[in-house]
Protein backbone atom coordinates (compact mmCIF):
# COMPACT_ATOMS: atom_id res chain seq x y z
CA MET A 1 -203.15 -214.45 -87.08
CA ASP A 2 -200.43 -217.09 -86.71
CA LEU A 3 -198.19 -217.32 -89.77
CA GLU A 4 -194.99 -218.28 -87.94
CA GLY A 5 -192.41 -219.78 -90.28
CA GLU A 6 -194.76 -219.68 -93.29
CA CYS A 7 -193.40 -219.27 -96.82
CA LEU A 8 -194.89 -216.11 -98.31
CA ALA A 9 -191.98 -215.38 -100.64
CA GLY A 10 -193.06 -213.24 -103.59
CA ALA A 11 -196.61 -212.86 -102.27
CA ASP A 12 -198.56 -209.71 -103.15
CA LEU A 13 -199.84 -208.48 -99.78
CA THR A 14 -200.41 -204.90 -100.92
CA GLY A 15 -202.69 -203.13 -98.45
CA ALA A 16 -203.03 -206.22 -96.25
CA VAL A 17 -204.06 -205.66 -92.65
CA LEU A 18 -201.82 -207.93 -90.58
CA GLU A 19 -202.03 -206.03 -87.31
CA SER A 20 -200.58 -208.06 -84.41
CA ALA A 21 -199.88 -210.98 -86.79
CA HIS A 22 -197.35 -213.58 -85.69
CA LEU A 23 -194.89 -213.80 -88.59
CA ALA A 24 -191.76 -214.82 -86.67
CA GLY A 25 -189.31 -216.64 -88.94
CA ALA A 26 -191.58 -216.24 -91.97
CA ASP A 27 -190.08 -216.21 -95.47
CA LEU A 28 -191.21 -212.92 -97.04
CA LYS A 29 -188.40 -212.63 -99.59
CA GLY A 30 -189.48 -210.35 -102.43
CA ALA A 31 -193.01 -209.95 -101.03
CA ARG A 32 -195.00 -206.80 -101.88
CA LEU A 33 -196.25 -205.23 -98.66
CA VAL A 34 -196.98 -201.75 -100.05
CA LYS A 35 -199.22 -199.83 -97.63
CA ALA A 36 -199.63 -202.97 -95.49
CA VAL A 37 -200.59 -202.52 -91.84
CA LEU A 38 -198.22 -204.56 -89.69
CA ARG A 39 -198.71 -202.59 -86.47
CA GLU A 40 -197.51 -204.60 -83.43
CA ALA A 41 -196.70 -207.59 -85.70
CA ASP A 42 -194.03 -210.09 -84.69
CA LEU A 43 -191.56 -210.22 -87.59
CA SER A 44 -188.64 -211.40 -85.48
CA ASN A 45 -186.15 -213.43 -87.52
CA ALA A 46 -188.33 -213.04 -90.65
CA ASP A 47 -186.60 -212.91 -94.03
CA LEU A 48 -187.71 -209.72 -95.78
CA THR A 49 -184.83 -209.71 -98.29
CA GLY A 50 -185.85 -207.59 -101.28
CA ALA A 51 -189.38 -207.06 -99.95
CA VAL A 52 -191.25 -203.90 -100.97
CA LEU A 53 -192.61 -202.28 -97.81
CA ARG A 54 -193.20 -198.83 -99.28
CA ASP A 55 -195.53 -196.71 -97.08
CA ALA A 56 -196.23 -199.67 -94.78
CA CYS A 57 -197.05 -199.25 -91.09
CA LEU A 58 -194.65 -201.19 -88.86
CA CYS A 59 -195.33 -199.12 -85.74
CA GLY A 60 -194.54 -201.16 -82.67
CA ALA A 61 -193.53 -204.19 -84.74
CA ASP A 62 -190.87 -206.63 -83.53
CA LEU A 63 -188.16 -206.77 -86.21
CA TRP A 64 -185.45 -208.23 -83.97
CA GLY A 65 -183.18 -210.39 -86.13
CA ALA A 66 -185.21 -209.77 -89.31
CA ASN A 67 -183.25 -209.67 -92.58
CA LEU A 68 -184.10 -206.43 -94.39
CA ALA A 69 -181.29 -206.59 -96.96
CA GLY A 70 -182.35 -204.86 -100.17
CA ALA A 71 -185.85 -204.11 -98.83
CA ASP A 72 -187.62 -200.97 -100.05
CA LEU A 73 -188.45 -199.08 -96.85
CA ARG A 74 -189.38 -195.71 -98.36
CA GLY A 75 -192.14 -194.05 -96.35
CA VAL A 76 -192.30 -196.85 -93.76
CA CYS A 77 -193.45 -195.92 -90.26
CA LEU A 78 -191.20 -197.58 -87.68
CA GLU A 79 -192.31 -195.61 -84.62
CA GLY A 80 -191.86 -197.78 -81.55
CA ALA A 81 -190.57 -200.73 -83.60
CA LEU A 82 -188.03 -203.07 -82.04
CA VAL A 83 -185.02 -203.49 -84.34
CA SER A 84 -181.69 -205.23 -83.84
CA PRO A 85 -178.45 -203.30 -84.31
C-alpha cells in the first residue's frame, strides 16, 4: 500500500493492518494506531507526533528520521525496527 506523504493526521487506524505499507513522510500527527500491524512498514521521516501506538506491531519497520515526540509507545513491539539515534 503506497501512502507516501499522505495526510492521515488524527485518523483512527485502530487495529489497521498496514503490513509493508509505504508511509514515508506521511503526516500521522495524533493518529490512533492502537494494536495496528505495521510490520516491515516504511515510516521513514513520518510525523508521528502525539500518535497513540499502544500495543502496535512495528517489528522490522523503518522509523529512520520519524518524529515520535509525545507518541504513546506503551506495549509497542520494535523488534528488528530501524530507528535513528
